[in-house]
C-alpha atoms as a PDB file:
ATOM      1  CA  MET A   1      21.672-104.882  48.573  1.00  0.00           C
ATOM      2  CA  LYS A   2      22.238-108.391  49.897  1.00  0.00           C
ATOM      3  CA  ILE A   3      24.562-111.218  48.853  1.00  0.00           C
ATOM      4  CA  THR A   4      23.757-114.897  49.397  1.00  0.00           C
ATOM      5  CA  LEU A   5      26.686-117.300  49.336  1.00  0.00           C
ATOM      6  CA  LEU A   6      25.152-120.273  47.537  1.00  0.00           C
ATOM      7  CA  GLY A   7      28.342-122.312  47.768  1.00  0.00           C
ATOM      8  CA  THR A   8      31.720-121.837  49.440  1.00  0.00           C
ATOM      9  CA  GLY A   9      33.617-125.006  48.521  1.00  0.00           C
ATOM     10  CA  GLY A  10      36.355-125.950  46.098  1.00  0.00           C
ATOM     11  CA  SER A  11      35.893-127.660  42.759  1.00  0.00           C
ATOM     12  CA  ALA A  12      35.206-131.061  44.395  1.00  0.00           C
ATOM     13  CA  GLY A  13      32.908-129.720  47.120  1.00  0.00           C
ATOM     14  CA  LEU A  14      33.018-130.986  50.699  1.00  0.00           C
ATOM     15  CA  PRO A  15      32.857-133.766  51.576  1.00  0.00           C
ATOM     16  CA  GLN A  16      34.657-134.964  48.490  1.00  0.00           C
ATOM     17  CA  ILE A  17      33.757-138.309  46.931  1.00  0.00           C
ATOM     18  CA  GLY A  18      35.389-141.206  48.800  1.00  0.00           C
ATOM     19  CA  GLY A  19      36.041-141.708  52.480  1.00  0.00           C
ATOM     20  CA  ALA A  20      36.524-144.924  54.443  1.00  0.00           C
ATOM     21  CA  ASP A  21      32.826-145.777  54.287  1.00  0.00           C
ATOM     22  CA  GLY A  22      32.223-144.276  50.862  1.00  0.00           C
ATOM     23  CA  ARG A  23      30.069-141.505  52.360  1.00  0.00           C
ATOM     24  CA  GLY A  24      32.554-138.734  51.770  1.00  0.00           C
ATOM     25  CA  ASP A  25      36.095-137.597  52.477  1.00  0.00           C
ATOM     26  CA  TRP A  26      36.072-134.644  54.865  1.00  0.00           C
ATOM     27  CA  GLY A  27      39.832-134.064  54.773  1.00  0.00           C
ATOM     28  CA  LYS A  28      40.899-132.191  57.912  1.00  0.00           C
ATOM     29  CA  THR A  29      37.451-130.783  58.632  1.00  0.00           C
ATOM     30  CA  ASP A  30      34.944-131.876  61.259  1.00  0.00           C
ATOM     31  CA  PRO A  31      32.014-133.728  59.648  1.00  0.00           C
ATOM     32  CA  ASN A  32      29.834-132.865  62.662  1.00  0.00           C
ATOM     33  CA  GLU A  33      30.071-129.131  61.890  1.00  0.00           C
ATOM     34  CA  PRO A  34      27.303-128.436  59.335  1.00  0.00           C
ATOM     35  CA  ARG A  35      29.093-125.354  58.001  1.00  0.00           C
ATOM     36  CA  ASN A  36      31.872-127.619  56.723  1.00  0.00           C
ATOM     37  CA  ARG A  37      29.446-129.086  54.174  1.00  0.00           C
ATOM     38  CA  ARG A  38      30.202-126.997  51.109  1.00  0.00           C
ATOM     39  CA  SER A  39      28.880-126.942  47.570  1.00  0.00           C
ATOM     40  CA  ARG A  40      30.669-125.351  44.635  1.00  0.00           C
ATOM     41  CA  ALA A  41      31.391-121.606  44.800  1.00  0.00           C
ATOM     42  CA  SER A  42      28.592-119.315  43.648  1.00  0.00           C
ATOM     43  CA  ILE A  43      26.632-116.298  44.853  1.00  0.00           C
ATOM     44  CA  VAL A  44      23.386-114.462  44.200  1.00  0.00           C
ATOM     45  CA  ILE A  45      23.382-110.660  44.227  1.00  0.00           C
ATOM     46  CA  HIS A  46      20.015-109.383  45.480  1.00  0.00           C
ATOM     47  CA  ALA A  47      19.923-105.872  44.054  1.00  0.00           C
ATOM     48  CA  ASP A  48      18.009-102.995  45.665  1.00  0.00           C
ATOM     49  CA  HIS A  49      15.356-103.051  42.940  1.00  0.00           C
ATOM     50  CA  GLY A  50      14.376-106.662  43.705  1.00  0.00           C
ATOM     51  CA  ARG A  51      16.258-108.388  40.895  1.00  0.00           C
ATOM     52  CA  ASN A  52      18.457-111.425  41.503  1.00  0.00           C
ATOM     53  CA  ILE A  53      21.782-111.815  39.683  1.00  0.00           C
ATOM     54  CA  LEU A  54      23.290-115.303  39.726  1.00  0.00           C
ATOM     55  CA  VAL A  55      27.081-115.527  39.541  1.00  0.00           C
ATOM     56  CA  ASP A  56      28.056-118.848  37.893  1.00  0.00           C
ATOM     57  CA  THR A  57      25.948-121.966  37.322  1.00  0.00           C
ATOM     58  CA  GLY A  58      27.824-124.757  39.085  1.00  0.00           C
ATOM     59  CA  PRO A  59      26.770-128.419  39.245  1.00  0.00           C
ATOM     60  CA  ASP A  60      24.995-127.893  42.595  1.00  0.00           C
ATOM     61  CA  LEU A  61      22.767-125.089  41.323  1.00  0.00           C
ATOM     62  CA  ARG A  62      19.363-126.757  41.771  1.00  0.00           C
ATOM     63  CA  TYR A  63      19.743-127.604  45.426  1.00  0.00           C
ATOM     64  CA  GLN A  64      21.577-124.331  46.161  1.00  0.00           C
ATOM     65  CA  LEU A  65      18.662-122.235  44.932  1.00  0.00           C
ATOM     66  CA  THR A  66      15.969-124.405  46.505  1.00  0.00           C
ATOM     67  CA  GLY A  67      17.903-124.632  49.778  1.00  0.00           C
ATOM     68  CA  CYS A  68      18.261-120.850  49.973  1.00  0.00           C
ATOM     69  CA  GLY A  69      14.661-120.174  48.932  1.00  0.00           C
ATOM     70  CA  ILE A  70      15.571-118.300  45.751  1.00  0.00           C
ATOM     71  CA  GLY A  71      12.898-118.983  43.148  1.00  0.00           C
ATOM     72  CA  ARG A  72      13.718-116.465  40.434  1.00  0.00           C
ATOM     73  CA  ILE A  73      16.893-115.337  38.690  1.00  0.00           C
ATOM     74  CA  ASP A  74      16.876-112.250  36.448  1.00  0.00           C
ATOM     75  CA  ALA A  75      20.384-112.489  34.967  1.00  0.00           C
ATOM     76  CA  VAL A  76      23.467-114.729  35.035  1.00  0.00           C
ATOM     77  CA  LEU A  77      27.109-113.666  35.147  1.00  0.00           C
ATOM     78  CA  TYR A  78      30.039-116.029  34.538  1.00  0.00           C
ATOM     79  CA  THR A  79      33.426-115.511  36.180  1.00  0.00           C
ATOM     80  CA  HIS A  80      35.138-118.199  34.055  1.00  0.00           C
ATOM     81  CA  ALA A  81      34.409-121.487  32.296  1.00  0.00           C
ATOM     82  CA  HIS A  82      35.750-124.144  34.682  1.00  0.00           C
ATOM     83  CA  ALA A  83      33.330-127.035  35.234  1.00  0.00           C
ATOM     84  CA  ASP A  84      32.614-126.206  38.877  1.00  0.00           C
ATOM     85  CA  HIS A  85      31.300-122.824  37.701  1.00  0.00           C
ATOM     86  CA  VAL A  86      29.351-123.765  34.563  1.00  0.00           C
ATOM     87  CA  ALA A  87      28.318-127.453  34.712  1.00  0.00           C
ATOM     88  CA  GLY A  88      24.826-126.634  36.027  1.00  0.00           C
ATOM     89  CA  LEU A  89      23.968-124.558  32.968  1.00  0.00           C
ATOM     90  CA  ASP A  90      21.162-126.931  31.965  1.00  0.00           C
ATOM     91  CA  ASP A  91      19.142-125.842  35.018  1.00  0.00           C
ATOM     92  CA  VAL A  92      18.856-122.413  33.421  1.00  0.00           C
ATOM     93  CA  ARG A  93      15.992-123.879  31.361  1.00  0.00           C
ATOM     94  CA  ILE A  94      13.853-123.948  34.525  1.00  0.00           C
ATOM     95  CA  LEU A  95      14.878-120.375  35.264  1.00  0.00           C
ATOM     96  CA  ASN A  96      13.897-119.511  31.682  1.00  0.00           C
ATOM     97  CA  ARG A  97      10.418-120.910  32.313  1.00  0.00           C
ATOM     98  CA  ILE A  98      10.037-118.872  35.493  1.00  0.00           C
ATOM     99  CA  LEU A  99      11.324-115.701  33.828  1.00  0.00           C
ATOM    100  CA  GLY A 100       9.380-116.364  30.632  1.00  0.00           C
ATOM    101  CA  THR A 101      12.196-115.173  28.351  1.00  0.00           C
ATOM    102  CA  PRO A 102      15.758-116.018  27.319  1.00  0.00           C
ATOM    103  CA  MET A 103      18.108-115.478  30.264  1.00  0.00           C
ATOM    104  CA  PRO A 104      20.274-112.347  30.044  1.00  0.00           C
ATOM    105  CA  ALA A 105      23.798-113.715  30.513  1.00  0.00           C
ATOM    106  CA  TYR A 106      27.149-111.949  30.765  1.00  0.00           C
ATOM    107  CA  ALA A 107      30.659-113.292  30.140  1.00  0.00           C
ATOM    108  CA  THR A 108      33.890-112.485  28.346  1.00  0.00           C
ATOM    109  CA  GLU A 109      34.355-113.468  24.710  1.00  0.00           C
ATOM    110  CA  GLU A 110      36.648-116.336  25.758  1.00  0.00           C
ATOM    111  CA  VAL A 111      34.088-117.756  28.169  1.00  0.00           C
ATOM    112  CA  TRP A 112      31.315-117.496  25.586  1.00  0.00           C
ATOM    113  CA  GLU A 113      33.383-119.545  23.152  1.00  0.00           C
ATOM    114  CA  GLU A 114      34.031-122.213  25.814  1.00  0.00           C
ATOM    115  CA  LEU A 115      30.332-122.405  26.651  1.00  0.00           C
ATOM    116  CA  ARG A 116      29.362-122.666  22.998  1.00  0.00           C
ATOM    117  CA  GLN A 117      31.730-125.615  22.501  1.00  0.00           C
ATOM    118  CA  ARG A 118      30.570-127.501  25.595  1.00  0.00           C
ATOM    119  CA  PHE A 119      26.851-126.660  25.541  1.00  0.00           C
ATOM    120  CA  ALA A 120      26.178-126.280  21.828  1.00  0.00           C
ATOM    121  CA  TYR A 121      22.487-127.166  22.227  1.00  0.00           C
ATOM    122  CA  ALA A 122      21.962-124.084  24.400  1.00  0.00           C
ATOM    123  CA  PHE A 123      23.016-121.833  21.520  1.00  0.00           C
ATOM    124  CA  LYS A 124      20.656-123.092  18.841  1.00  0.00           C
ATOM    125  CA  PRO A 125      18.165-120.491  17.545  1.00  0.00           C
ATOM    126  CA  TRP A 126      15.132-120.108  19.792  1.00  0.00           C
ATOM    127  CA  ASN A 127      11.860-119.227  18.135  1.00  0.00           C
ATOM    128  CA  GLY A 128       9.650-118.967  21.179  1.00  0.00           C
ATOM    129  CA  GLY A 129       7.526-121.560  22.917  1.00  0.00           C
ATOM    130  CA  PHE A 130       8.391-124.029  25.638  1.00  0.00           C
ATOM    131  CA  PHE A 131      11.866-123.854  27.207  1.00  0.00           C
ATOM    132  CA  GLY A 132      12.983-127.458  26.801  1.00  0.00           C
ATOM    133  CA  ARG A 133      16.604-126.387  26.973  1.00  0.00           C
ATOM    134  CA  PRO A 134      18.464-123.389  28.397  1.00  0.00           C
ATOM    135  CA  VAL A 135      18.308-120.268  26.257  1.00  0.00           C
ATOM    136  CA  LEU A 136      20.856-117.533  26.937  1.00  0.00           C
ATOM    137  CA  GLU A 137      20.841-113.953  25.717  1.00  0.00           C
ATOM    138  CA  ARG A 138      24.526-113.274  25.042  1.00  0.00           C
ATOM    139  CA  ASN A 139      26.092-110.103  26.470  1.00  0.00           C
ATOM    140  CA  GLU A 140      29.855-109.730  26.152  1.00  0.00           C
ATOM    141  CA  ILE A 141      31.819-107.989  28.898  1.00  0.00           C
ATOM    142  CA  VAL A 142      35.422-106.765  29.067  1.00  0.00           C
ATOM    143  CA  PRO A 143      37.664-106.777  32.157  1.00  0.00           C
ATOM    144  CA  GLY A 144      38.178-103.273  33.491  1.00  0.00           C
ATOM    145  CA  LYS A 145      35.041-101.854  31.860  1.00  0.00           C
ATOM    146  CA  VAL A 146      31.991-101.178  34.051  1.00  0.00           C
ATOM    147  CA  PHE A 147      28.739-102.658  32.748  1.00  0.00           C
ATOM    148  CA  ASP A 148      25.108-102.624  33.855  1.00  0.00           C
ATOM    149  CA  ILE A 149      23.392-105.918  34.677  1.00  0.00           C
ATOM    150  CA  ALA A 150      19.760-105.863  35.800  1.00  0.00           C
ATOM    151  CA  GLY A 151      20.170-102.254  36.899  1.00  0.00           C
ATOM    152  CA  THR A 152      23.384-102.831  38.879  1.00  0.00           C
ATOM    153  CA  ASP A 153      26.784-101.424  37.869  1.00  0.00           C
ATOM    154  CA  ILE A 154      29.570-104.015  38.096  1.00  0.00           C
ATOM    155  CA  LEU A 155      33.293-103.613  37.467  1.00  0.00           C
ATOM    156  CA  PRO A 156      34.849-106.905  36.246  1.00  0.00           C
ATOM    157  CA  LEU A 157      38.482-107.408  37.255  1.00  0.00           C
ATOM    158  CA  ASP A 158      41.013-109.532  35.401  1.00  0.00           C
ATOM    159  CA  GLN A 159      42.436-112.171  37.793  1.00  0.00           C
ATOM    160  CA  ASP A 160      45.335-114.626  37.656  1.00  0.00           C
ATOM    161  CA  HIS A 161      43.858-118.099  38.179  1.00  0.00           C
ATOM    162  CA  GLY A 162      47.151-119.916  37.759  1.00  0.00           C
ATOM    163  CA  TYR A 163      46.849-121.643  34.391  1.00  0.00           C
ATOM    164  CA  SER A 164      43.962-119.454  33.232  1.00  0.00           C
ATOM    165  CA  ARG A 165      42.165-116.172  33.882  1.00  0.00           C
ATOM    166  CA  SER A 166      38.989-115.403  35.814  1.00  0.00           C
ATOM    167  CA  LEU A 167      36.888-112.375  36.684  1.00  0.00           C
ATOM    168  CA  GLY A 168      36.601-110.728  40.055  1.00  0.00           C
ATOM    169  CA  LEU A 169      33.642-108.425  40.589  1.00  0.00           C
ATOM    170  CA  ARG A 170      33.449-105.057  42.296  1.00  0.00           C
ATOM    171  CA  ILE A 171      29.968-103.747  43.120  1.00  0.00           C
ATOM    172  CA  ASP A 172      30.152-100.388  44.870  1.00  0.00           C
ATOM    173  CA  ASP A 173      32.230-101.070  48.006  1.00  0.00           C
ATOM    174  CA  LEU A 174      31.939-104.884  47.877  1.00  0.00           C
ATOM    175  CA  ALA A 175      34.207-107.253  45.945  1.00  0.00           C
ATOM    176  CA  TYR A 176      33.683-110.915  45.094  1.00  0.00           C
ATOM    177  CA  CYS A 177      36.976-112.475  44.032  1.00  0.00           C
ATOM    178  CA  THR A 178      36.812-116.246  43.766  1.00  0.00           C
ATOM    179  CA  ASP A 179      39.282-118.440  41.843  1.00  0.00           C
ATOM    180  CA  VAL A 180      42.331-116.196  42.097  1.00  0.00           C
ATOM    181  CA  VAL A 181      45.921-116.847  43.147  1.00  0.00           C
ATOM    182  CA  ARG A 182      47.466-113.432  42.342  1.00  0.00           C
ATOM    183  CA  PHE A 183      46.339-109.847  41.741  1.00  0.00           C
ATOM    184  CA  ASP A 184      48.384-107.554  39.543  1.00  0.00           C
ATOM    185  CA  LYS A 185      48.843-103.859  40.367  1.00  0.00           C
ATOM    186  CA  GLU A 186      45.855-102.839  38.278  1.00  0.00           C
ATOM    187  CA  ALA A 187      43.511-105.271  40.034  1.00  0.00           C
ATOM    188  CA  LEU A 188      44.705-104.228  43.486  1.00  0.00           C
ATOM    189  CA  ALA A 189      44.241-100.581  42.562  1.00  0.00           C
ATOM    190  CA  ALA A 190      40.682-101.321  41.412  1.00  0.00           C
ATOM    191  CA  LEU A 191      39.951-102.958  44.779  1.00  0.00           C
ATOM    192  CA  ARG A 192      41.046 -99.963  46.853  1.00  0.00           C
ATOM    193  CA  GLY A 193      38.299 -98.634  49.086  1.00  0.00           C
ATOM    194  CA  ILE A 194      36.224-101.805  49.341  1.00  0.00           C
ATOM    195  CA  ARG A 195      34.401-102.370  52.620  1.00  0.00           C
ATOM    196  CA  ILE A 196      33.443-106.039  52.183  1.00  0.00           C
ATOM    197  CA  PHE A 197      35.837-108.537  50.574  1.00  0.00           C
ATOM    198  CA  ILE A 198      34.592-112.025  49.649  1.00  0.00           C
ATOM    199  CA  VAL A 199      37.716-113.839  48.544  1.00  0.00           C
ATOM    200  CA  ASP A 200      39.131-117.191  47.463  1.00  0.00           C
ATOM    201  CA  CYS A 201      41.113-118.975  50.196  1.00  0.00           C
ATOM    202  CA  PHE A 202      41.579-122.633  49.358  1.00  0.00           C
ATOM    203  CA  THR A 203      44.183-123.634  51.935  1.00  0.00           C
ATOM    204  CA  PRO A 204      45.450-122.530  55.369  1.00  0.00           C
ATOM    205  CA  ALA A 205      49.008-123.145  54.177  1.00  0.00           C
ATOM    206  CA  SER A 206      50.869-121.978  51.057  1.00  0.00           C
ATOM    207  CA  ASP A 207      49.147-121.050  47.816  1.00  0.00           C
ATOM    208  CA  HIS A 208      47.626-123.753  45.662  1.00  0.00           C
ATOM    209  CA  PRO A 209      48.800-123.471  42.014  1.00  0.00           C
ATOM    210  CA  THR A 210      45.464-121.859  41.096  1.00  0.00           C
ATOM    211  CA  HIS A 211      44.072-120.546  44.396  1.00  0.00           C
ATOM    212  CA  ALA A 212      45.241-118.244  47.162  1.00  0.00           C
ATOM    213  CA  GLY A 213      46.344-119.574  50.540  1.00  0.00           C
ATOM    214  CA  LEU A 214      45.657-117.849  53.831  1.00  0.00           C
ATOM    215  CA  ALA A 215      48.987-115.981  54.010  1.00  0.00           C
ATOM    216  CA  THR A 216      48.319-114.415  50.620  1.00  0.00           C
ATOM    217  CA  VAL A 217      44.782-113.427  51.621  1.00  0.00           C
ATOM    218  CA  LEU A 218      46.090-111.835  54.825  1.00  0.00           C
ATOM    219  CA  ALA A 219      48.553-109.801  52.761  1.00  0.00           C
ATOM    220  CA  TRP A 220      45.714-108.605  50.514  1.00  0.00           C
ATOM    221  CA  VAL A 221      43.664-107.636  53.571  1.00  0.00           C
ATOM    222  CA  GLU A 222      46.627-105.714  54.970  1.00  0.00           C
ATOM    223  CA  ALA A 223      46.955-103.804  51.710  1.00  0.00           C
ATOM    224  CA  LEU A 224      43.243-103.151  51.112  1.00  0.00           C
ATOM    225  CA  ARG A 225      41.992-102.722  54.698  1.00  0.00           C
ATOM    226  CA  PRO A 226      38.372-103.853  54.182  1.00  0.00           C
ATOM    227  CA  GLN A 227      36.110-103.739  57.220  1.00  0.00           C
ATOM    228  CA  ARG A 228      34.998-107.322  56.693  1.00  0.00           C
ATOM    229  CA  THR A 229      36.633-110.233  54.827  1.00  0.00           C
ATOM    230  CA  ILE A 230      34.761-113.482  54.124  1.00  0.00           C
ATOM    231  CA  LEU A 231      36.581-116.554  52.827  1.00  0.00           C
ATOM    232  CA  THR A 232      35.136-118.742  50.081  1.00  0.00           C
ATOM    233  CA  HIS A 233      36.200-121.536  47.692  1.00  0.00           C
ATOM    234  CA  MET A 234      37.658-123.350  50.733  1.00  0.00           C
ATOM    235  CA  GLY A 235      39.330-126.740  50.444  1.00  0.00           C
ATOM    236  CA  PRO A 236      39.334-129.841  52.672  1.00  0.00           C
ATOM    237  CA  ALA A 237      41.903-128.450  55.116  1.00  0.00           C
ATOM    238  CA  MET A 238      39.763-125.399  55.973  1.00  0.00           C
ATOM    239  CA  ASP A 239      37.807-126.383  59.081  1.00  0.00           C
ATOM    240  CA  TYR A 240      35.089-123.858  59.944  1.00  0.00           C
ATOM    241  CA  ARG A 241      35.493-123.882  63.728  1.00  0.00           C
ATOM    242  CA  THR A 242      39.293-123.818  63.602  1.00  0.00           C
ATOM    243  CA  LEU A 243      39.151-120.813  61.302  1.00  0.00           C
ATOM    244  CA  THR A 244      36.659-118.884  63.427  1.00  0.00           C
ATOM    245  CA  ASP A 245      38.842-119.483  66.500  1.00  0.00           C
ATOM    246  CA  THR A 246      42.131-118.433  64.883  1.00  0.00           C
ATOM    247  CA  LEU A 247      41.505-115.857  62.162  1.00  0.00           C
ATOM    248  CA  PRO A 248      42.288-112.200  62.882  1.00  0.00           C
ATOM    249  CA  ARG A 249      39.432-109.889  63.767  1.00  0.00           C
ATOM    250  CA  GLY A 250      37.414-108.869  60.725  1.00  0.00           C
ATOM    251  CA  ILE A 251      38.138-112.073  58.794  1.00  0.00           C
ATOM    252  CA  GLU A 252      35.760-115.054  58.836  1.00  0.00           C
ATOM    253  CA  PRO A 253      34.999-118.202  56.860  1.00  0.00           C
ATOM    254  CA  GLY A 254      31.863-118.120  54.756  1.00  0.00           C
ATOM    255  CA  TYR A 255      29.365-120.974  54.661  1.00  0.00           C
ATOM    256  CA  ASP A 256      26.690-122.171  52.276  1.00  0.00           C
ATOM    257  CA  GLY A 257      23.532-120.096  52.668  1.00  0.00           C
ATOM    258  CA  MET A 258      25.280-117.200  54.422  1.00  0.00           C
ATOM    259  CA  GLU A 259      23.602-113.830  53.802  1.00  0.00           C
ATOM    260  CA  ILE A 260      25.625-110.613  53.743  1.00  0.00           C
ATOM    261  CA  LEU A 261      23.940-107.222  53.970  1.00  0.00           C
ATOM    262  CA  VAL A 262      25.808-104.554  52.055  1.00  0.00           C
END
């Protein structure tokens, strides 16, 4: 199995809109380091049987997939319904055309209701023919209950995202846990034994109200002891080179387009 990090940035991406010349606000990061250019957080799971599972459909989806050379998606999984994770849903219509069928999609009941309210046109009855809009095949999942998606078993974990909830994902000995500020005892227990940990780390300082800071991530790593930890959903104070020079051994910043062999 392989994981591609499509995007590793926060909800505003990097650079953010603005800057002295209007060409982007890089915060405390070096604009000359290409790995500081970050789109919104998303991954593709390349399963052993050749199927591609897309996790979240953020607003940068089109150029993420084309930039990484991924031309087909076989299923979509949503971690939560925040705009930076769902606003690219309309591009699923192109994926429908490539697949030739409604897109198998997986989310909790709460996320399905949010999507239905915000993208009502995508939920109208489909009677075959041309995919002029996205068409999703609804599959409801429950935190803590393993489910099969495109032939891959995934354990969804309930996560504290500050003012809301999100899903972390455990796939064998890998975990993808974006958009989390705290794990409860049950979630930490479910993460025991992971070898690769892809985890939210928005700031090098204290926790953001909805995202973990570096000290919290280091505490999780100490408790879980993964062999490799890769940071994602990084904010404008997370400079790639500074992180690579200062992080403890076994912990590294991710970057858009990064491929991880599992």
